[in-house]
PDB file of N, CA and C in Angstrom:
ATOM      1  N   UNK A   1       9.647   4.974  26.033  1.00  0.00           N
ATOM      2  CA  UNK A   1       9.465   6.178  26.889  1.00  0.00           C
ATOM      3  C   UNK A   1       8.197   6.811  26.580  1.00  0.00           C
ATOM      4  N   UNK A   2       7.415   7.083  27.601  1.00  0.00           N
ATOM      5  CA  UNK A   2       6.050   7.713  27.379  1.00  0.00           C
ATOM      6  C   UNK A   2       6.294   9.175  27.026  1.00  0.00           C
ATOM      7  N   UNK A   3       5.297   9.766  26.352  1.00  0.00           N
ATOM      8  CA  UNK A   3       5.426  11.253  25.960  1.00  0.00           C
ATOM      9  C   UNK A   3       5.445  12.086  27.204  1.00  0.00           C
ATOM     10  N   UNK A   4       4.792  11.756  28.293  1.00  0.00           N
ATOM     11  CA  UNK A   4       4.779  12.638  29.412  1.00  0.00           C
ATOM     12  C   UNK A   4       6.215  12.624  30.021  1.00  0.00           C
ATOM     13  N   UNK A   5       6.866  11.448  30.158  1.00  0.00           N
ATOM     14  CA  UNK A   5       8.262  11.353  30.640  1.00  0.00           C
ATOM     15  C   UNK A   5       9.200  12.023  29.694  1.00  0.00           C
ATOM     16  N   UNK A   6       9.034  11.918  28.436  1.00  0.00           N
ATOM     17  CA  UNK A   6       9.918  12.636  27.452  1.00  0.00           C
ATOM     18  C   UNK A   6       9.880  14.122  27.653  1.00  0.00           C
ATOM     19  N   UNK A   7       8.680  14.747  27.748  1.00  0.00           N
ATOM     20  CA  UNK A   7       8.475  16.203  27.902  1.00  0.00           C
ATOM     21  C   UNK A   7       8.985  16.586  29.221  1.00  0.00           C
ATOM     22  N   UNK A   8       8.787  15.758  30.265  1.00  0.00           N
ATOM     23  CA  UNK A   8       9.162  16.148  31.645  1.00  0.00           C
ATOM     24  C   UNK A   8      10.793  16.235  31.723  1.00  0.00           C
ATOM     25  N   UNK A   9      11.366  15.278  31.011  1.00  0.00           N
ATOM     26  CA  UNK A   9      12.808  15.279  31.007  1.00  0.00           C
ATOM     27  C   UNK A   9      13.383  16.446  30.220  1.00  0.00           C
ATOM     28  N   UNK A  10      12.741  16.815  29.121  1.00  0.00           N
ATOM     29  CA  UNK A  10      13.160  17.931  28.288  1.00  0.00           C
ATOM     30  C   UNK A  10      13.048  19.231  29.068  1.00  0.00           C
ATOM     31  N   UNK A  11      11.819  19.273  29.805  1.00  0.00           N
ATOM     32  CA  UNK A  11      11.649  20.499  30.715  1.00  0.00           C
ATOM     33  C   UNK A  11      12.639  20.586  31.758  1.00  0.00           C
ATOM     34  N   UNK A  12      12.943  19.492  32.379  1.00  0.00           N
ATOM     35  CA  UNK A  12      13.959  19.421  33.452  1.00  0.00           C
ATOM     36  C   UNK A  12      15.343  19.854  32.901  1.00  0.00           C
ATOM     37  N   UNK A  13      15.740  19.401  31.681  1.00  0.00           N
ATOM     38  CA  UNK A  13      16.971  19.888  31.220  1.00  0.00           C
ATOM     39  C   UNK A  13      16.945  21.337  30.914  1.00  0.00           C
ATOM     40  N   UNK A  14      15.782  21.960  30.390  1.00  0.00           N
ATOM     41  CA  UNK A  14      15.733  23.309  30.147  1.00  0.00           C
ATOM     42  C   UNK A  14      15.844  24.120  31.522  1.00  0.00           C
ATOM     43  N   UNK A  15      15.131  23.703  32.505  1.00  0.00           N
ATOM     44  CA  UNK A  15      15.160  24.483  33.742  1.00  0.00           C
ATOM     45  C   UNK A  15      16.516  24.300  34.465  1.00  0.00           C
ATOM     46  N   UNK A  16      17.260  23.184  34.367  1.00  0.00           N
ATOM     47  CA  UNK A  16      18.540  23.011  34.821  1.00  0.00           C
ATOM     48  C   UNK A  16      19.562  23.975  34.083  1.00  0.00           C
ATOM     49  N   UNK A  17      19.389  24.101  32.731  1.00  0.00           N
ATOM     50  CA  UNK A  17      20.242  25.020  31.955  1.00  0.00           C
ATOM     51  C   UNK A  17      19.960  26.469  32.508  1.00  0.00           C
ATOM     52  N   UNK A  18      18.744  26.795  32.740  1.00  0.00           N
ATOM     53  CA  UNK A  18      18.466  28.135  33.309  1.00  0.00           C
ATOM     54  C   UNK A  18      19.069  28.380  34.670  1.00  0.00           C
ATOM     55  N   UNK A  19      19.052  27.356  35.532  1.00  0.00           N
ATOM     56  CA  UNK A  19      19.644  27.451  36.798  1.00  0.00           C
ATOM     57  C   UNK A  19      21.206  27.511  36.719  1.00  0.00           C
ATOM     58  N   UNK A  20      21.720  26.856  35.741  1.00  0.00           N
ATOM     59  CA  UNK A  20      23.188  27.004  35.621  1.00  0.00           C
ATOM     60  C   UNK A  20      23.593  28.300  35.120  1.00  0.00           C
ATOM     61  N   UNK A  21      22.733  28.941  34.244  1.00  0.00           N
ATOM     62  CA  UNK A  21      23.031  30.263  33.750  1.00  0.00           C
ATOM     63  C   UNK A  21      22.984  31.334  34.912  1.00  0.00           C
ATOM     64  N   UNK A  22      21.967  31.170  35.858  1.00  0.00           N
ATOM     65  CA  UNK A  22      21.937  32.028  36.956  1.00  0.00           C
ATOM     66  C   UNK A  22      23.140  31.817  37.938  1.00  0.00           C
ATOM     67  N   UNK A  23      23.576  30.586  38.073  1.00  0.00           N
ATOM     68  CA  UNK A  23      24.739  30.312  38.848  1.00  0.00           C
ATOM     69  C   UNK A  23      25.953  30.924  38.280  1.00  0.00           C
ATOM     70  N   UNK A  24      26.102  30.882  37.003  1.00  0.00           N
ATOM     71  CA  UNK A  24      27.267  31.473  36.369  1.00  0.00           C
ATOM     72  C   UNK A  24      27.213  32.997  36.502  1.00  0.00           C
ATOM     73  N   UNK A  25      26.046  33.508  36.469  1.00  0.00           N
ATOM     74  CA  UNK A  25      25.919  34.982  36.606  1.00  0.00           C
ATOM     75  C   UNK A  25      26.299  35.479  38.030  1.00  0.00           C
ATOM     76  N   UNK A  26      25.859  34.625  39.000  1.00  0.00           N
ATOM     77  CA  UNK A  26      26.256  34.943  40.436  1.00  0.00           C
ATOM     78  C   UNK A  26      27.742  34.721  40.607  1.00  0.00           C
ATOM     79  N   UNK A  27      28.310  33.711  39.951  1.00  0.00           N
ATOM     80  CA  UNK A  27      29.744  33.356  40.043  1.00  0.00           C
ATOM     81  C   UNK A  27      30.567  34.602  39.499  1.00  0.00           C
ATOM     82  N   UNK A  28      30.135  35.186  38.350  1.00  0.00           N
ATOM     83  CA  UNK A  28      30.835  36.286  37.833  1.00  0.00           C
ATOM     84  C   UNK A  28      30.644  37.611  38.534  1.00  0.00           C
ATOM     85  N   UNK A  29      29.462  37.826  39.034  1.00  0.00           N
ATOM     86  CA  UNK A  29      29.042  39.132  39.640  1.00  0.00           C
ATOM     87  C   UNK A  29      28.979  39.226  41.086  1.00  0.00           C
ATOM     88  N   UNK A  30      29.221  38.045  41.768  1.00  0.00           N
ATOM     89  CA  UNK A  30      29.104  37.990  43.230  1.00  0.00           C
ATOM     90  C   UNK A  30      29.958  38.987  43.956  1.00  0.00           C
ATOM     91  N   UNK A  31      29.310  39.714  44.848  1.00  0.00           N
ATOM     92  CA  UNK A  31      30.137  40.729  45.514  1.00  0.00           C
ATOM     93  C   UNK A  31      31.158  40.197  46.513  1.00  0.00           C
ATOM     94  N   UNK A  32      30.950  39.021  47.117  1.00  0.00           N
ATOM     95  CA  UNK A  32      31.862  38.463  48.132  1.00  0.00           C
ATOM     96  C   UNK A  32      32.286  37.089  47.623  1.00  0.00           C
ATOM     97  N   UNK A  33      33.391  36.614  48.170  1.00  0.00           N
ATOM     98  CA  UNK A  33      33.967  35.304  47.898  1.00  0.00           C
ATOM     99  C   UNK A  33      32.948  34.189  48.249  1.00  0.00           C
ATOM    100  N   UNK A  34      32.241  34.426  49.414  1.00  0.00           N
ATOM    101  CA  UNK A  34      31.238  33.445  49.858  1.00  0.00           C
ATOM    102  C   UNK A  34      30.172  33.234  48.806  1.00  0.00           C
ATOM    103  N   UNK A  35      29.745  34.366  48.164  1.00  0.00           N
ATOM    104  CA  UNK A  35      28.678  34.256  47.110  1.00  0.00           C
ATOM    105  C   UNK A  35      29.236  33.369  45.955  1.00  0.00           C
ATOM    106  N   UNK A  36      30.440  33.636  45.583  1.00  0.00           N
ATOM    107  CA  UNK A  36      31.038  32.898  44.457  1.00  0.00           C
ATOM    108  C   UNK A  36      31.186  31.440  44.773  1.00  0.00           C
ATOM    109  N   UNK A  37      31.562  31.101  46.054  1.00  0.00           N
ATOM    110  CA  UNK A  37      31.692  29.675  46.399  1.00  0.00           C
ATOM    111  C   UNK A  37      30.290  29.017  46.368  1.00  0.00           C
ATOM    112  N   UNK A  38      29.259  29.671  46.845  1.00  0.00           N
ATOM    113  CA  UNK A  38      27.954  29.050  46.804  1.00  0.00           C
ATOM    114  C   UNK A  38      27.426  28.953  45.468  1.00  0.00           C
ATOM    115  N   UNK A  39      27.817  29.916  44.508  1.00  0.00           N
ATOM    116  CA  UNK A  39      27.431  29.751  43.052  1.00  0.00           C
ATOM    117  C   UNK A  39      28.094  28.573  42.480  1.00  0.00           C
ATOM    118  N   UNK A  40      29.362  28.399  42.790  1.00  0.00           N
ATOM    119  CA  UNK A  40      30.110  27.193  42.257  1.00  0.00           C
ATOM    120  C   UNK A  40      29.541  25.976  42.807  1.00  0.00           C
ATOM    121  N   UNK A  41      29.172  25.911  44.012  1.00  0.00           N
ATOM    122  CA  UNK A  41      28.410  24.748  44.605  1.00  0.00           C
ATOM    123  C   UNK A  41      27.135  24.398  43.761  1.00  0.00           C
ATOM    124  N   UNK A  42      26.361  25.437  43.542  1.00  0.00           N
ATOM    125  CA  UNK A  42      25.055  25.343  42.793  1.00  0.00           C
ATOM    126  C   UNK A  42      25.417  24.873  41.366  1.00  0.00           C
ATOM    127  N   UNK A  43      26.457  25.407  40.823  1.00  0.00           N
ATOM    128  CA  UNK A  43      26.809  25.063  39.416  1.00  0.00           C
ATOM    129  C   UNK A  43      27.180  23.549  39.292  1.00  0.00           C
ATOM    130  N   UNK A  44      27.952  23.031  40.249  1.00  0.00           N
ATOM    131  CA  UNK A  44      28.302  21.611  40.045  1.00  0.00           C
ATOM    132  C   UNK A  44      27.152  20.752  40.353  1.00  0.00           C
ATOM    133  N   UNK A  45      26.242  21.119  41.358  1.00  0.00           N
ATOM    134  CA  UNK A  45      25.110  20.309  41.617  1.00  0.00           C
ATOM    135  C   UNK A  45      24.123  20.316  40.401  1.00  0.00           C
ATOM    136  N   UNK A  46      23.970  21.502  39.782  1.00  0.00           N
ATOM    137  CA  UNK A  46      23.118  21.475  38.565  1.00  0.00           C
ATOM    138  C   UNK A  46      23.711  20.674  37.424  1.00  0.00           C
ATOM    139  N   UNK A  47      25.005  20.737  37.318  1.00  0.00           N
ATOM    140  CA  UNK A  47      25.716  19.995  36.336  1.00  0.00           C
ATOM    141  C   UNK A  47      25.544  18.409  36.549  1.00  0.00           C
ATOM    142  N   UNK A  48      25.713  18.075  37.825  1.00  0.00           N
ATOM    143  CA  UNK A  48      25.505  16.631  38.165  1.00  0.00           C
ATOM    144  C   UNK A  48      24.061  16.212  37.849  1.00  0.00           C
ATOM    145  N   UNK A  49      23.072  17.028  38.206  1.00  0.00           N
ATOM    146  CA  UNK A  49      21.677  16.676  37.964  1.00  0.00           C
ATOM    147  C   UNK A  49      21.406  16.707  36.432  1.00  0.00           C
ATOM    148  N   UNK A  50      22.071  17.450  35.690  1.00  0.00           N
ATOM    149  CA  UNK A  50      21.844  17.507  34.268  1.00  0.00           C
ATOM    150  C   UNK A  50      22.380  16.191  33.622  1.00  0.00           C
ATOM    151  N   UNK A  51      23.588  15.802  34.116  1.00  0.00           N
ATOM    152  CA  UNK A  51      24.158  14.505  33.711  1.00  0.00           C
ATOM    153  C   UNK A  51      23.211  13.283  34.029  1.00  0.00           C
ATOM    154  N   UNK A  52      22.632  13.341  35.190  1.00  0.00           N
ATOM    155  CA  UNK A  52      21.687  12.283  35.571  1.00  0.00           C
ATOM    156  C   UNK A  52      20.459  12.252  34.708  1.00  0.00           C
ATOM    157  N   UNK A  53      19.928  13.413  34.395  1.00  0.00           N
ATOM    158  CA  UNK A  53      18.744  13.457  33.454  1.00  0.00           C
ATOM    159  C   UNK A  53      19.152  13.015  32.069  1.00  0.00           C
ATOM    160  N   UNK A  54      20.316  13.391  31.533  1.00  0.00           N
ATOM    161  CA  UNK A  54      20.777  12.855  30.320  1.00  0.00           C
ATOM    162  C   UNK A  54      20.969  11.384  30.243  1.00  0.00           C
ATOM    163  N   UNK A  55      21.413  10.787  31.453  1.00  0.00           N
ATOM    164  CA  UNK A  55      21.510   9.394  31.627  1.00  0.00           C
ATOM    165  C   UNK A  55      20.165   8.712  31.421  1.00  0.00           C
ATOM    166  N   UNK A  56      19.219   9.295  31.974  1.00  0.00           N
ATOM    167  CA  UNK A  56      17.886   8.755  31.860  1.00  0.00           C
ATOM    168  C   UNK A  56      17.288   8.866  30.406  1.00  0.00           C
ATOM    169  N   UNK A  57      17.533  10.017  29.824  1.00  0.00           N
ATOM    170  CA  UNK A  57      17.051  10.243  28.471  1.00  0.00           C
ATOM    171  C   UNK A  57      17.713   9.244  27.417  1.00  0.00           C
ATOM    172  N   UNK A  58      19.130   9.125  27.487  1.00  0.00           N
ATOM    173  CA  UNK A  58      19.757   8.232  26.557  1.00  0.00           C
ATOM    174  C   UNK A  58      19.957   6.800  27.059  1.00  0.00           C
ATOM    175  N   UNK A  59      19.513   6.504  28.250  1.00  0.00           N
ATOM    176  CA  UNK A  59      19.647   5.131  28.857  1.00  0.00           C
ATOM    177  C   UNK A  59      21.023   4.662  28.754  1.00  0.00           C
ATOM    178  N   UNK A  60      21.999   5.436  29.232  1.00  0.00           N
ATOM    179  CA  UNK A  60      23.401   5.134  29.212  1.00  0.00           C
ATOM    180  C   UNK A  60      24.069   5.230  30.571  1.00  0.00           C
ATOM    181  N   UNK A  61      24.862   4.347  30.953  1.00  0.00           N
ATOM    182  CA  UNK A  61      25.491   4.304  32.297  1.00  0.00           C
ATOM    183  C   UNK A  61      26.636   5.210  32.337  1.00  0.00           C
ATOM    184  N   UNK A  62      27.168   5.628  31.178  1.00  0.00           N
ATOM    185  CA  UNK A  62      28.300   6.568  31.223  1.00  0.00           C
ATOM    186  C   UNK A  62      27.955   7.881  31.878  1.00  0.00           C
ATOM    187  N   UNK A  63      26.805   8.380  31.650  1.00  0.00           N
ATOM    188  CA  UNK A  63      26.297   9.665  32.240  1.00  0.00           C
ATOM    189  C   UNK A  63      26.249   9.562  33.789  1.00  0.00           C
ATOM    190  N   UNK A  64      25.841   8.450  34.259  1.00  0.00           N
ATOM    191  CA  UNK A  64      25.732   8.212  35.674  1.00  0.00           C
ATOM    192  C   UNK A  64      27.126   8.221  36.337  1.00  0.00           C
ATOM    193  N   UNK A  65      28.128   7.621  35.656  1.00  0.00           N
ATOM    194  CA  UNK A  65      29.473   7.615  36.130  1.00  0.00           C
ATOM    195  C   UNK A  65      30.009   9.005  36.070  1.00  0.00           C
ATOM    196  N   UNK A  66      29.777   9.764  35.083  1.00  0.00           N
ATOM    197  CA  UNK A  66      30.213  11.099  34.999  1.00  0.00           C
ATOM    198  C   UNK A  66      29.641  11.978  36.050  1.00  0.00           C
ATOM    199  N   UNK A  67      28.343  11.740  36.455  1.00  0.00           N
ATOM    200  CA  UNK A  67      27.687  12.526  37.524  1.00  0.00           C
ATOM    201  C   UNK A  67      28.347  12.134  38.803  1.00  0.00           C
ATOM    202  N   UNK A  68      28.779  10.968  39.013  1.00  0.00           N
ATOM    203  CA  UNK A  68      29.443  10.476  40.236  1.00  0.00           C
ATOM    204  C   UNK A  68      30.812  11.348  40.339  1.00  0.00           C
ATOM    205  N   UNK A  69      31.577  11.423  39.211  1.00  0.00           N
ATOM    206  CA  UNK A  69      32.806  12.080  39.303  1.00  0.00           C
ATOM    207  C   UNK A  69      32.613  13.556  39.552  1.00  0.00           C
ATOM    208  N   UNK A  70      31.582  14.202  38.871  1.00  0.00           N
ATOM    209  CA  UNK A  70      31.315  15.628  39.162  1.00  0.00           C
ATOM    210  C   UNK A  70      30.962  15.857  40.631  1.00  0.00           C
ATOM    211  N   UNK A  71      30.175  14.916  41.174  1.00  0.00           N
ATOM    212  CA  UNK A  71      29.851  15.070  42.669  1.00  0.00           C
ATOM    213  C   UNK A  71      31.118  14.975  43.504  1.00  0.00           C
ATOM    214  N   UNK A  72      31.990  13.992  43.229  1.00  0.00           N
ATOM    215  CA  UNK A  72      33.141  13.856  44.015  1.00  0.00           C
ATOM    216  C   UNK A  72      34.037  15.009  43.922  1.00  0.00           C
ATOM    217  N   UNK A  73      34.406  15.426  42.703  1.00  0.00           N
ATOM    218  CA  UNK A  73      35.247  16.650  42.475  1.00  0.00           C
ATOM    219  C   UNK A  73      34.648  17.924  43.066  1.00  0.00           C
ATOM    220  N   UNK A  74      33.363  18.043  42.948  1.00  0.00           N
ATOM    221  CA  UNK A  74      32.610  19.230  43.488  1.00  0.00           C
ATOM    222  C   UNK A  74      32.766  19.284  45.009  1.00  0.00           C
ATOM    223  N   UNK A  75      32.593  18.126  45.607  1.00  0.00           N
ATOM    224  CA  UNK A  75      32.655  18.066  47.023  1.00  0.00           C
ATOM    225  C   UNK A  75      34.025  18.427  47.576  1.00  0.00           C
ATOM    226  N   UNK A  76      35.034  17.884  46.922  1.00  0.00           N
ATOM    227  CA  UNK A  76      36.440  18.111  47.301  1.00  0.00           C
ATOM    228  C   UNK A  76      36.822  19.639  47.107  1.00  0.00           C
ATOM    229  N   UNK A  77      36.296  20.198  45.918  1.00  0.00           N
ATOM    230  CA  UNK A  77      36.569  21.635  45.689  1.00  0.00           C
ATOM    231  C   UNK A  77      35.896  22.509  46.553  1.00  0.00           C
ATOM    232  N   UNK A  78      34.668  22.187  46.970  1.00  0.00           N
ATOM    233  CA  UNK A  78      33.980  23.017  47.867  1.00  0.00           C
ATOM    234  C   UNK A  78      34.588  22.961  49.282  1.00  0.00           C
ATOM    235  N   UNK A  79      35.093  21.841  49.666  1.00  0.00           N
ATOM    236  CA  UNK A  79      35.778  21.651  51.057  1.00  0.00           C
ATOM    237  C   UNK A  79      36.985  22.528  50.990  1.00  0.00           C
ATOM    238  N   UNK A  80      37.807  22.372  49.912  1.00  0.00           N
ATOM    239  CA  UNK A  80      39.068  23.171  49.826  1.00  0.00           C
ATOM    240  C   UNK A  80      38.785  24.627  49.854  1.00  0.00           C
ATOM    241  N   UNK A  81      37.788  25.138  49.098  1.00  0.00           N
ATOM    242  CA  UNK A  81      37.511  26.545  49.084  1.00  0.00           C
ATOM    243  C   UNK A  81      36.979  27.087  50.427  1.00  0.00           C
ATOM    244  N   UNK A  82      36.196  26.283  51.056  1.00  0.00           N
ATOM    245  CA  UNK A  82      35.701  26.661  52.428  1.00  0.00           C
ATOM    246  C   UNK A  82      36.826  26.795  53.395  1.00  0.00           C
ATOM    247  N   UNK A  83      37.788  25.769  53.355  1.00  0.00           N
ATOM    248  CA  UNK A  83      38.890  25.904  54.304  1.00  0.00           C
ATOM    249  C   UNK A  83      39.818  27.039  53.955  1.00  0.00           C
ATOM    250  N   UNK A  84      40.004  27.268  52.676  1.00  0.00           N
ATOM    251  CA  UNK A  84      40.715  28.495  52.247  1.00  0.00           C
ATOM    252  C   UNK A  84      40.090  29.827  52.690  1.00  0.00           C
ATOM    253  N   UNK A  85      38.791  29.904  52.640  1.00  0.00           N
ATOM    254  CA  UNK A  85      38.141  31.129  53.098  1.00  0.00           C
ATOM    255  C   UNK A  85      38.166  31.187  54.580  1.00  0.00           C
ATOM    256  N   UNK A  86      38.109  30.211  55.315  1.00  0.00           N
ATOM    257  CA  UNK A  86      38.122  30.149  56.726  1.00  0.00           C
ATOM    258  C   UNK A  86      39.455  30.462  57.264  1.00  0.00           C
ATOM    259  N   UNK A  87      40.513  29.782  56.884  1.00  0.00           N
ATOM    260  CA  UNK A  87      41.806  29.898  57.387  1.00  0.00           C
ATOM    261  C   UNK A  87      42.903  30.674  56.612  1.00  0.00           C
ATOM    262  N   UNK A  88      42.612  30.745  55.313  1.00  0.00           N
ATOM    263  CA  UNK A  88      43.605  31.430  54.413  1.00  0.00           C
ATOM    264  C   UNK A  88      44.633  30.508  53.887  1.00  0.00           C
ATOM    265  N   UNK A  89      44.570  29.193  54.116  1.00  0.00           N
ATOM    266  CA  UNK A  89      45.447  28.229  53.613  1.00  0.00           C
ATOM    267  C   UNK A  89      44.709  26.930  53.391  1.00  0.00           C
ATOM    268  N   UNK A  90      45.092  26.108  52.429  1.00  0.00           N
ATOM    269  CA  UNK A  90      44.504  24.809  52.223  1.00  0.00           C
ATOM    270  C   UNK A  90      45.172  23.752  52.799  1.00  0.00           C
ATOM    271  N   UNK A  91      46.555  23.678  52.749  1.00  0.00           N
ATOM    272  CA  UNK A  91      47.419  22.611  53.192  1.00  0.00           C
ATOM    273  C   UNK A  91      48.022  23.136  54.474  1.00  0.00           C
ATOM    274  N   UNK A  92      47.836  22.375  55.589  1.00  0.00           N
ATOM    275  CA  UNK A  92      48.516  22.837  56.845  1.00  0.00           C
ATOM    276  C   UNK A  92      49.783  22.160  57.086  1.00  0.00           C
TER     277      UNK A  92
END
């Protein structure tokens, strides 16, 4: 791994951690439920991206599989929350 790639990946991890901290802040302090849902979406996307960067850093396929699971569960959770906010029920 070249030094430029090493420092770029470390910088990306740092910036993703800051983005996750901002999303957690919005999740806790969001004035409306829609703000909280968007913060949760941002949080799972940043978590997925962090797993992908860690997979590149450690050259391991396990991180890529974990990122796929995070993306899958995040999509299902976002869909369920959006349906709940729209209609007031998840299961019809």
